[in-house]
Amino acid sequence: MKHHRWIPFLRVVSLLFILAAGGLVLLAEQQLRQIQDILPANSQWGVVNVGGLTVEQARQRVLAIYLSPIELNYQNERIQASAERLGFRVDLPDNLENFQSNSSAFSFWAYLWNKPQQPKVLPIEFSLDETQLRAYLQDEIASRYDISSIPPLPLPGSSRFSTGVSGRHLDVEASVARFQGVLRDPFNRKIELVVKHEPASQVGSNLLKAVLINELKEANFNGIAEIFAYHLTEQQVVHFAVADGQEVSAEIAFSAASTIKIPILLTALMQIEPPFPDEFIRMAERMMVYSENPPADQMMETYLGSTLAPLKVTEFLQNAGFRNTFLAGYFYLGAPLLRRFETPANQRVDINLNPDVYNQTTAGDMGQMLRAIYSCAESNQGVLVEISNGQLTSEKCAFLLEMMKRNRIGVLGQAGLPEGIPFAHKHGWSEESDGLLHTISDAGIVFGPQTDYVLVIFLYDPQQLLFEPANMLMARLSQRIFNAWNPDFQVEWNFGKFQYR
């Protein structure tokens, strides 16, 4: 049969077809393996597109982007640092096994039928060593770019102070908090560091004290001086005493003289309510503004009653904690001494100025009293409000300060202040038992353009207090304190160099 002749030929053709098909399959498998080494289009590693890359190529791209240098901005200073030096670490797998596809594995038949591969996704795993980051920010950034503020310094030959220099410092903790978000976004490699500004600091209490002591020495004042100054905003206190050029313990007992009229008016205000009678206002004005003594006696007799009225003032003072201040009799000539008071200040054995047995105080007591009056007037708070059971109010304390502001004598502490600066104060001086002037004082509150502060100065000369040079000295001390605590409104000393003796 003739058709049997085609059988060998068909077998050969079939075999060739099978061999060709097998070859095509082998070629397809080889191509598939090559394709499987390439990441599918739109594959993501973190936020980096790695489609069309091998795993190794993808690793290199991801590391290059995530570990690219970071620009740190310290105000206008720009610093570049490697991410690794900042403590940033990126952990990447070595192969594709950790990739998760959105569908089943790409099969041979899917390849043959030209089905597209599904993109693969792998999240980035990274860490930030905050200890290393903090160390870098502190050692490499803060140490180089931080600037310390410089306080004003005294200018030689002047009562003024130099202008202070403001500072700045890196807020390390606030800056660290900004790194996490930036490191997760490799396409934003800029970080604005948190920098805090420090205004030029005030003249420190120790520096101001040294300046004031030097003023006493330069003036050749060989008597005894005690100064109390209190910064009412910063709660900064300067309190010291000097005897014959050497610092001694403060809280020296001085004759209070007319400064005692401050607690007299305070005590009387506890007995009366506003609106105040015209007669009360007149007495307050005559005793506080014109420093007359009879109105002080009249006020005590009228509002405190009996011949023991001065002791009521003292009782009020001691209840308020002013242990070194007392009034033991009226002002009129020949007034009886109602009681002898012993205080911690007048019982000192190292310094005894033989102060008036009728009225005494210390610079510290008077300063703290003025501070309490200010607190009462400003906020209706403090020891005066508490010990008076509400009988002393902000309105009453403000009345007292307004009356004291009207005491415009233009000498002593007020002479050192710029024109027009409110100074609620009471000055005091008087002849003592030998008929000579030995003590002069000024105690008040300066309402400055930048800050309010308490100012108390007592000067004592055992021989005889020379009023004019003592007045100059007190004005100079007052001006130094004003310039220190109101640096933007300083005034220049225009009276030349002077010597007390």
Protein backbone atom coordinates (compact mmCIF):
# COMPACT_ATOMS: atom_id res chain seq x y z
CA MET A 1 0.00 0.00 0.00
CA LYS A 2 1.46 3.28 -1.09
CA HIS A 3 0.40 5.34 1.92
CA HIS A 4 2.80 3.37 4.14
CA ARG A 5 5.65 5.22 2.44
CA TRP A 6 4.58 8.49 4.18
CA ILE A 7 4.77 7.08 7.65
CA PRO A 8 8.53 7.50 8.14
CA PHE A 9 8.31 11.00 6.80
CA LEU A 10 5.50 11.95 9.13
CA ARG A 11 7.40 10.51 12.03
CA VAL A 12 10.40 12.59 11.16
CA VAL A 13 8.25 15.70 10.83
CA SER A 14 6.55 14.99 14.15
CA LEU A 15 9.85 14.45 15.83
CA LEU A 16 11.19 17.67 14.38
CA PHE A 17 8.06 19.47 15.56
CA ILE A 18 8.42 18.02 19.03
CA LEU A 19 12.07 18.97 19.12
CA ALA A 20 11.29 22.47 17.93
CA ALA A 21 8.51 22.84 20.47
CA GLY A 22 10.82 21.57 23.20
CA GLY A 23 13.43 24.04 22.10
CA LEU A 24 10.91 26.81 22.22
CA VAL A 25 9.84 25.75 25.72
CA LEU A 26 13.44 25.65 26.90
CA LEU A 27 14.02 29.07 25.38
CA ALA A 28 10.83 30.41 27.03
CA GLU A 29 11.87 28.98 30.41
CA GLN A 30 15.29 30.56 30.05
CA GLN A 31 13.72 33.90 29.15
CA LEU A 32 11.27 33.51 32.06
CA ARG A 33 14.12 32.97 34.51
CA GLN A 34 15.81 36.08 33.17
CA ILE A 35 12.59 38.05 33.49
CA GLN A 36 12.01 36.77 37.02
CA ASP A 37 15.36 38.32 38.03
CA ILE A 38 13.95 41.70 37.02
CA LEU A 39 11.45 43.43 39.31
CA PRO A 40 8.08 44.04 37.65
CA ALA A 41 7.15 47.49 36.45
CA ASN A 42 5.91 49.87 39.17
CA SER A 43 7.40 47.76 41.97
CA GLN A 44 8.04 49.76 45.11
CA TRP A 45 10.68 49.48 47.80
CA GLY A 46 9.51 51.93 50.40
CA VAL A 47 8.70 55.03 48.36
CA VAL A 48 11.34 54.24 45.71
CA ASN A 49 10.24 52.91 42.29
CA VAL A 50 12.45 49.89 41.53
CA GLY A 51 10.55 48.48 38.51
CA GLY A 52 12.82 47.05 35.82
CA LEU A 53 15.79 46.64 38.18
CA THR A 54 17.45 43.57 39.59
CA VAL A 55 17.33 43.09 43.34
CA GLU A 56 20.92 44.26 43.70
CA GLN A 57 20.30 47.28 41.51
CA ALA A 58 17.18 48.03 43.56
CA ARG A 59 19.14 47.72 46.80
CA GLN A 60 21.74 50.18 45.59
CA ARG A 61 19.11 52.67 44.45
CA VAL A 62 17.18 52.45 47.72
CA LEU A 63 20.30 52.87 49.86
CA ALA A 64 21.54 55.76 47.72
CA ILE A 65 18.24 57.61 48.14
CA TYR A 66 17.46 56.81 51.77
CA LEU A 67 21.04 57.40 52.92
CA SER A 68 21.57 60.55 50.88
CA PRO A 69 23.08 63.49 52.83
CA ILE A 70 20.72 65.56 54.96
CA GLU A 71 20.87 69.35 55.01
CA LEU A 72 20.56 70.85 58.48
CA ASN A 73 19.61 74.50 58.74
CA TYR A 74 20.71 76.34 61.88
CA GLN A 75 19.15 79.71 61.18
CA ASN A 76 21.17 80.85 58.14
CA GLU A 77 23.89 78.28 58.62
CA ARG A 78 23.54 75.21 56.36
CA ILE A 79 25.31 72.00 57.34
CA GLN A 80 25.32 68.74 55.36
CA ALA A 81 25.66 65.47 57.21
CA SER A 82 25.40 61.84 56.13
CA ALA A 83 22.29 60.04 57.32
CA GLU A 84 24.41 57.27 58.82
CA ARG A 85 26.40 59.74 60.92
CA LEU A 86 23.13 61.02 62.30
CA GLY A 87 22.26 57.51 63.49
CA PHE A 88 20.00 56.47 60.60
CA ARG A 89 20.04 52.79 59.58
CA VAL A 90 18.23 51.05 56.65
CA ASP A 91 17.68 47.26 56.82
CA LEU A 92 17.08 45.62 53.37
CA PRO A 93 16.61 41.88 52.53
CA ASP A 94 19.11 40.25 50.21
CA ASN A 95 16.64 38.57 47.82
CA LEU A 96 13.10 38.60 46.48
CA GLU A 97 11.68 36.06 48.90
CA ASN A 98 10.50 38.81 51.21
CA PHE A 99 8.66 40.64 48.48
CA GLN A 100 4.90 40.24 48.59
CA SER A 101 3.04 40.18 45.29
CA ASN A 102 -0.51 41.34 44.95
CA SER A 103 -1.38 38.03 43.19
CA SER A 104 -0.12 34.44 42.86
CA ALA A 105 3.39 33.79 41.59
CA PHE A 106 4.01 34.54 37.95
CA SER A 107 3.68 31.18 36.10
CA PHE A 108 5.19 29.79 32.94
CA TRP A 109 1.81 29.70 31.22
CA ALA A 110 1.11 33.30 32.26
CA TYR A 111 4.34 34.22 30.56
CA LEU A 112 3.47 32.23 27.43
CA TRP A 113 0.09 33.96 27.25
CA ASN A 114 1.86 37.34 27.70
CA LYS A 115 0.03 38.23 30.93
CA PRO A 116 1.57 41.25 32.73
CA GLN A 117 3.43 40.73 36.04
CA GLN A 118 1.93 42.23 39.19
CA PRO A 119 4.07 44.96 40.90
CA LYS A 120 5.87 43.87 44.02
CA VAL A 121 5.92 45.88 47.25
CA LEU A 122 8.32 45.83 50.20
CA PRO A 123 8.24 48.30 53.05
CA ILE A 124 11.44 49.92 54.25
CA GLU A 125 12.64 48.92 57.67
CA PHE A 126 14.86 51.53 59.26
CA SER A 127 15.85 52.80 62.68
CA LEU A 128 17.11 56.04 64.19
CA ASP A 129 19.64 55.93 67.01
CA GLU A 130 18.49 59.01 68.92
CA THR A 131 21.43 58.79 71.32
CA GLN A 132 23.84 59.07 68.40
CA LEU A 133 21.74 61.86 66.87
CA ARG A 134 21.69 63.85 70.11
CA ALA A 135 25.46 63.47 70.46
CA TYR A 136 25.99 64.76 66.92
CA LEU A 137 23.68 67.74 67.42
CA GLN A 138 25.33 68.64 70.70
CA ASP A 139 28.97 68.03 69.73
CA GLU A 140 28.97 69.10 66.09
CA ILE A 141 26.21 71.72 65.87
CA ALA A 142 25.49 73.27 69.27
CA SER A 143 29.16 73.49 70.25
CA ARG A 144 29.96 75.38 67.01
CA TYR A 145 26.96 77.60 66.43
CA ASP A 146 25.44 78.33 69.84
CA ILE A 147 26.20 81.81 71.20
CA SER A 148 26.00 82.66 74.89
CA SER A 149 24.33 85.91 75.84
CA ILE A 150 26.59 88.54 77.36
CA PRO A 151 25.23 90.79 80.11
CA PRO A 152 25.83 94.52 80.07
CA LEU A 153 29.13 95.54 81.65
CA PRO A 154 30.01 98.78 83.46
CA LEU A 155 31.65 101.40 81.28
CA PRO A 156 34.81 102.91 82.82
CA GLY A 157 34.42 106.51 83.90
CA SER A 158 30.67 106.45 83.42
CA SER A 159 27.51 105.47 85.26
CA ARG A 160 26.33 103.60 82.16
CA PHE A 161 26.59 99.94 81.18
CA SER A 162 27.51 98.51 77.80
CA THR A 163 24.80 97.04 75.61
CA GLY A 164 24.39 93.33 76.27
CA VAL A 165 24.60 90.74 73.50
CA SER A 166 21.73 88.35 72.88
CA GLY A 167 22.46 84.65 72.54
CA ARG A 168 21.00 81.56 70.93
CA HIS A 169 21.07 77.83 71.58
CA LEU A 170 20.02 74.68 69.79
CA ASP A 171 16.97 72.99 71.28
CA VAL A 172 18.25 69.44 70.88
CA GLU A 173 15.10 67.62 71.99
CA ALA A 174 12.76 69.67 69.80
CA SER A 175 15.12 69.19 66.84
CA VAL A 176 15.33 65.40 67.34
CA ALA A 177 11.54 65.20 67.10
CA ARG A 178 11.73 66.62 63.56
CA PHE A 179 14.03 63.90 62.24
CA GLN A 180 11.61 60.96 62.25
CA GLY A 181 9.29 62.47 59.67
CA VAL A 182 12.08 63.67 57.42
CA LEU A 183 13.93 60.36 57.41
CA ARG A 184 10.78 58.55 56.27
CA ASP A 185 10.61 60.84 53.25
CA PRO A 186 13.87 60.40 51.29
CA PHE A 187 12.92 63.11 48.81
CA ASN A 188 12.87 65.80 51.50
CA ARG A 189 16.36 65.99 52.97
CA LYS A 190 16.15 69.37 54.70
CA ILE A 191 15.59 69.84 58.40
CA GLU A 192 15.07 73.19 60.08
CA LEU A 193 16.72 72.85 63.48
CA VAL A 194 14.93 74.41 66.42
CA VAL A 195 16.96 77.37 67.68
CA LYS A 196 15.91 79.37 70.71
CA HIS A 197 17.00 82.95 71.26
CA GLU A 198 18.21 84.27 74.59
CA PRO A 199 17.84 88.01 75.08
CA ALA A 200 20.78 89.80 76.63
CA SER A 201 20.60 89.07 80.32
CA GLN A 202 20.21 91.69 83.00
CA VAL A 203 23.16 92.95 84.98
CA GLY A 204 23.57 90.20 87.56
CA SER A 205 23.11 90.93 91.26
CA ASN A 206 26.73 90.07 92.05
CA LEU A 207 28.05 92.40 89.35
CA LEU A 208 25.73 95.22 90.39
CA LYS A 209 26.74 94.79 94.01
CA ALA A 210 30.43 94.98 93.05
CA VAL A 211 29.79 98.12 90.99
CA LEU A 212 27.97 99.84 93.87
CA ILE A 213 30.68 98.94 96.37
CA ASN A 214 33.25 100.34 93.96
CA GLU A 215 31.24 103.57 93.70
CA LEU A 216 31.46 103.95 97.50
CA LYS A 217 35.20 103.37 97.38
CA GLU A 218 35.74 105.75 94.45
CA ALA A 219 33.85 108.45 96.35
CA ASN A 220 36.07 107.83 99.39
CA PHE A 221 33.03 107.29 101.60
CA ASN A 222 34.40 105.95 104.86
CA GLY A 223 31.11 105.86 106.77
CA ILE A 224 28.51 103.11 106.81
CA ALA A 225 26.17 102.43 103.90
CA GLU A 226 23.45 99.84 103.46
CA ILE A 227 21.67 99.34 100.12
CA PHE A 228 18.67 97.22 99.26
CA ALA A 229 17.49 96.99 95.64
CA TYR A 230 14.90 94.55 94.36
CA HIS A 231 14.03 93.89 90.71
CA LEU A 232 10.26 93.42 90.85
CA THR A 233 10.07 91.53 87.53
CA GLU A 234 13.03 89.15 87.85
CA GLN A 235 12.86 88.89 91.68
CA GLN A 236 16.54 89.77 91.74
CA VAL A 237 17.86 91.24 95.00
CA VAL A 238 20.96 93.27 95.79
CA HIS A 239 21.41 93.76 99.54
CA PHE A 240 24.67 94.57 101.28
CA ALA A 241 26.32 96.87 103.80
CA VAL A 242 29.74 98.52 103.80
CA ALA A 243 31.64 100.03 106.74
CA ASP A 244 34.78 102.07 106.09
CA GLY A 245 35.18 100.52 102.64
CA GLN A 246 34.77 96.90 103.80
CA GLU A 247 31.68 94.76 103.35
CA VAL A 248 29.94 93.82 106.60
CA SER A 249 26.77 91.93 107.47
CA ALA A 250 23.62 93.72 106.41
CA GLU A 251 20.59 94.55 108.59
CA ILE A 252 22.12 97.45 110.50
CA ALA A 253 19.82 99.46 112.78
CA PHE A 254 19.44 103.04 111.47
CA SER A 255 17.35 105.93 112.69
CA ALA A 256 14.21 105.67 110.57
CA ALA A 257 13.42 109.41 110.68
CA SER A 258 10.65 110.24 108.20
CA THR A 259 10.74 106.86 106.43
CA ILE A 260 8.68 105.59 109.41
CA LYS A 261 5.78 107.64 108.02
CA ILE A 262 5.24 104.91 105.41
CA PRO A 263 3.99 102.35 107.99
CA ILE A 264 2.13 105.13 109.87
CA LEU A 265 0.02 105.80 106.77
CA LEU A 266 -0.37 102.05 106.12
CA THR A 267 -1.72 101.50 109.65
CA ALA A 268 -4.10 104.44 109.38
CA LEU A 269 -5.40 103.17 106.01
CA MET A 270 -6.54 100.00 107.78
CA GLN A 271 -9.00 102.11 109.82
CA ILE A 272 -10.68 103.97 106.96
CA GLU A 273 -12.53 103.17 103.75
CA PRO A 274 -12.61 105.08 100.49
CA PRO A 275 -13.68 107.60 99.43
CA PHE A 276 -11.24 109.17 101.88
CA PRO A 277 -12.26 112.39 103.67
CA ASP A 278 -10.56 115.58 102.55
CA GLU A 279 -8.96 115.97 105.98
CA PHE A 280 -7.37 112.52 105.74
CA ILE A 281 -5.99 113.28 102.27
CA ARG A 282 -4.62 116.60 103.54
CA MET A 283 -2.82 114.94 106.45
CA ALA A 284 -1.41 112.23 104.18
CA GLU A 285 -0.17 114.86 101.75
CA ARG A 286 1.49 117.01 104.41
CA MET A 287 3.31 114.06 106.01
CA MET A 288 4.31 112.20 102.83
CA VAL A 289 4.87 114.96 100.28
CA TYR A 290 6.09 117.78 102.50
CA SER A 291 7.49 115.50 105.22
CA GLU A 292 5.89 117.46 108.05
CA ASN A 293 5.79 115.81 111.47
CA PRO A 294 2.64 117.30 113.09
CA PRO A 295 0.30 115.78 110.47
CA ALA A 296 1.84 112.37 111.22
CA ASP A 297 1.05 112.81 114.92
CA GLN A 298 -2.43 114.08 114.08
CA MET A 299 -3.14 111.09 111.84
CA MET A 300 -2.15 108.65 114.57
CA GLU A 301 -4.29 110.46 117.17
CA THR A 302 -7.29 110.67 114.85
CA TYR A 303 -7.30 107.21 113.31
CA LEU A 304 -5.36 105.03 115.77
CA GLY A 305 -6.53 106.69 118.98
CA SER A 306 -5.00 107.21 122.44
CA THR A 307 -1.49 108.11 123.45
CA LEU A 308 -0.36 104.57 122.55
CA ALA A 309 -0.99 105.01 118.82
CA PRO A 310 2.75 104.67 117.91
CA LEU A 311 2.77 101.24 119.56
CA LYS A 312 -0.14 100.21 117.33
CA VAL A 313 2.04 101.04 114.34
CA THR A 314 4.81 98.89 115.81
CA GLU A 315 2.39 96.03 116.50
CA PHE A 316 1.28 96.14 112.87
CA LEU A 317 4.92 96.08 111.71
CA GLN A 318 5.87 93.15 113.91
CA ASN A 319 2.79 91.17 112.88
CA ALA A 320 3.88 91.70 109.26
CA GLY A 321 7.34 90.29 110.06
CA PHE A 322 9.34 93.54 110.11
CA ARG A 323 11.18 92.76 113.34
CA ASN A 324 13.76 95.56 113.11
CA THR A 325 11.33 98.43 112.57
CA PHE A 326 9.42 100.23 115.31
CA LEU A 327 7.91 103.54 116.42
CA ALA A 328 8.08 104.16 120.18
CA GLY A 329 6.61 107.64 120.47
CA TYR A 330 5.15 110.68 118.75
CA PHE A 331 7.21 113.17 116.75
CA TYR A 332 6.49 116.32 118.76
CA LEU A 333 9.29 117.71 120.85
CA GLY A 334 9.30 116.23 124.34
CA ALA A 335 7.02 113.32 123.44
CA PRO A 336 7.37 110.51 125.99
CA LEU A 337 9.15 107.32 125.06
CA LEU A 338 6.38 104.73 125.30
CA ARG A 339 8.62 101.68 125.29
CA ARG A 340 12.19 100.60 124.64
CA PHE A 341 12.47 98.08 121.83
CA GLU A 342 15.22 95.55 121.41
CA THR A 343 15.56 94.16 117.89
CA PRO A 344 17.99 91.75 116.24
CA ALA A 345 19.52 94.76 114.45
CA ASN A 346 20.03 97.07 117.46
CA GLN A 347 21.39 94.23 119.58
CA ARG A 348 24.35 93.61 117.26
CA VAL A 349 27.69 93.97 119.01
CA ASP A 350 29.80 94.49 115.87
CA ILE A 351 28.05 97.66 114.65
CA ASN A 352 26.11 100.15 116.75
CA LEU A 353 25.19 103.51 115.22
CA ASN A 354 23.34 104.67 118.36
CA PRO A 355 20.10 105.00 116.38
CA ASP A 356 17.14 107.01 117.62
CA VAL A 357 15.33 105.08 120.38
CA TYR A 358 12.02 106.53 119.12
CA ASN A 359 12.11 105.05 115.62
CA GLN A 360 14.40 102.58 113.90
CA THR A 361 14.50 100.42 110.81
CA THR A 362 16.90 98.61 108.49
CA ALA A 363 17.33 98.86 104.75
CA GLY A 364 16.16 95.25 104.45
CA ASP A 365 12.98 95.82 106.47
CA MET A 366 12.13 98.97 104.56
CA GLY A 367 12.84 97.29 101.23
CA GLN A 368 10.65 94.29 102.00
CA MET A 369 7.88 96.61 103.21
CA LEU A 370 7.95 98.50 99.92
CA ARG A 371 7.93 95.22 98.02
CA ALA A 372 4.82 94.18 99.98
CA ILE A 373 3.12 97.52 99.25
CA TYR A 374 3.81 97.05 95.54
CA SER A 375 2.34 93.53 95.59
CA CYS A 376 -0.72 94.83 97.45
CA ALA A 377 -1.25 97.67 94.96
CA GLU A 378 -0.62 95.60 91.82
CA SER A 379 -2.44 92.37 92.62
CA ASN A 380 -4.19 92.76 95.99
CA GLN A 381 -1.95 90.00 97.32
CA GLY A 382 0.89 89.57 99.77
CA VAL A 383 1.63 89.81 103.46
CA LEU A 384 -0.06 93.18 103.99
CA VAL A 385 -3.38 91.95 102.63
CA GLU A 386 -3.11 88.75 104.66
CA ILE A 387 -2.18 90.21 108.07
CA SER A 388 -4.73 93.02 107.76
CA ASN A 389 -7.55 90.54 107.07
CA GLY A 390 -8.40 92.44 103.94
CA GLN A 391 -8.37 95.88 105.56
CA LEU A 392 -5.48 96.82 103.28
CA THR A 393 -6.57 96.59 99.65
CA SER A 394 -5.03 97.36 96.29
CA GLU A 395 -6.92 100.67 96.23
CA LYS A 396 -5.48 101.74 99.58
CA CYS A 397 -1.93 100.65 98.71
CA ALA A 398 -2.19 102.45 95.36
CA PHE A 399 -3.29 105.60 97.23
CA LEU A 400 -0.15 105.38 99.39
CA LEU A 401 2.11 104.96 96.34
CA GLU A 402 0.47 107.83 94.50
CA MET A 403 1.02 110.06 97.52
CA MET A 404 4.68 108.99 97.64
CA LYS A 405 5.10 109.73 93.91
CA ARG A 406 4.23 113.34 94.64
CA ASN A 407 7.32 113.65 96.82
CA ARG A 408 9.38 115.35 94.11
CA ILE A 409 12.32 116.75 96.05
CA GLY A 410 14.78 116.44 93.15
CA VAL A 411 17.66 115.31 95.37
CA LEU A 412 19.00 112.03 96.83
CA GLY A 413 17.79 108.95 94.93
CA GLN A 414 15.54 110.99 92.65
CA ALA A 415 18.47 113.15 91.46
CA GLY A 416 20.02 110.12 89.76
CA LEU A 417 16.91 109.22 87.73
CA PRO A 418 15.96 110.50 84.26
CA GLU A 419 13.53 113.40 84.19
CA GLY A 420 9.93 112.32 84.57
CA ILE A 421 10.55 108.79 85.92
CA PRO A 422 7.93 108.12 88.67
CA PHE A 423 9.58 107.50 92.04
CA ALA A 424 7.23 106.69 94.93
CA HIS A 425 9.55 107.36 97.86
CA LYS A 426 10.03 108.77 101.32
CA HIS A 427 13.30 110.37 102.31
CA GLY A 428 14.53 110.97 105.82
CA TRP A 429 17.16 112.84 107.78
CA SER A 430 17.24 114.64 111.12
CA GLU A 431 19.64 116.09 113.65
CA GLU A 432 20.55 113.64 116.37
CA SER A 433 21.27 114.07 120.07
CA ASP A 434 24.59 115.88 119.42
CA GLY A 435 22.84 118.40 117.15
CA LEU A 436 24.55 117.05 114.03
CA LEU A 437 23.29 115.20 110.97
CA HIS A 438 24.61 111.63 110.88
CA THR A 439 22.06 109.62 108.86
CA ILE A 440 20.31 110.22 105.56
CA SER A 441 18.00 107.83 103.76
CA ASP A 442 15.78 107.43 100.74
CA ALA A 443 13.36 104.53 100.33
CA GLY A 444 10.94 103.99 97.49
CA ILE A 445 9.85 102.25 94.29
CA VAL A 446 11.12 103.35 90.88
CA PHE A 447 8.58 102.82 88.08
CA GLY A 448 11.06 102.43 85.24
CA PRO A 449 10.38 102.23 81.50
CA GLN A 450 11.64 98.63 81.40
CA THR A 451 11.18 97.44 84.95
CA ASP A 452 9.95 98.54 88.36
CA TYR A 453 12.25 98.10 91.32
CA VAL A 454 12.59 98.85 95.02
CA LEU A 455 15.40 101.20 96.01
CA VAL A 456 16.52 101.82 99.61
CA ILE A 457 19.75 103.60 100.55
CA PHE A 458 20.92 104.48 104.07
CA LEU A 459 24.13 106.46 104.65
CA TYR A 460 25.70 107.12 108.05
CA ASP A 461 28.77 109.15 108.99
CA PRO A 462 29.94 108.84 112.63
CA GLN A 463 31.61 112.27 112.53
CA GLN A 464 29.03 114.32 110.66
CA LEU A 465 27.15 113.58 107.47
CA LEU A 466 28.06 116.15 104.81
CA PHE A 467 24.79 116.70 102.97
CA GLU A 468 25.97 117.88 99.55
CA PRO A 469 28.53 115.12 98.85
CA ALA A 470 26.20 112.55 100.45
CA ASN A 471 23.44 113.75 98.13
CA MET A 472 25.77 113.34 95.13
CA LEU A 473 26.79 109.88 96.27
CA MET A 474 23.21 108.72 96.74
CA ALA A 475 22.24 110.09 93.31
CA ARG A 476 25.19 108.28 91.71
CA LEU A 477 24.25 104.98 93.37
CA SER A 478 20.63 105.44 92.31
CA GLN A 479 21.66 106.14 88.71
CA ARG A 480 23.85 103.04 88.57
CA ILE A 481 20.93 100.85 89.61
CA PHE A 482 18.57 102.52 87.13
CA ASN A 483 21.01 102.06 84.24
CA ALA A 484 21.61 98.43 85.16
CA TRP A 485 17.94 97.49 85.18
CA ASN A 486 16.73 99.80 82.39
CA PRO A 487 19.53 99.27 79.84
CA ASP A 488 17.62 100.78 76.89
CA PHE A 489 16.99 104.06 78.72
CA GLN A 490 20.31 104.78 80.39
CA VAL A 491 21.27 108.25 81.51
CA GLU A 492 24.77 109.68 81.68
CA TRP A 493 26.31 111.13 84.84
CA ASN A 494 26.81 114.82 84.16
CA PHE A 495 28.28 116.00 87.47
CA GLY A 496 31.90 115.01 87.02
CA LYS A 497 34.03 113.10 89.48
CA PHE A 498 33.47 113.85 93.14
CA GLN A 499 34.84 112.85 96.53
CA TYR A 500 32.81 112.59 99.69
CA ARG A 501 35.84 113.73 101.69
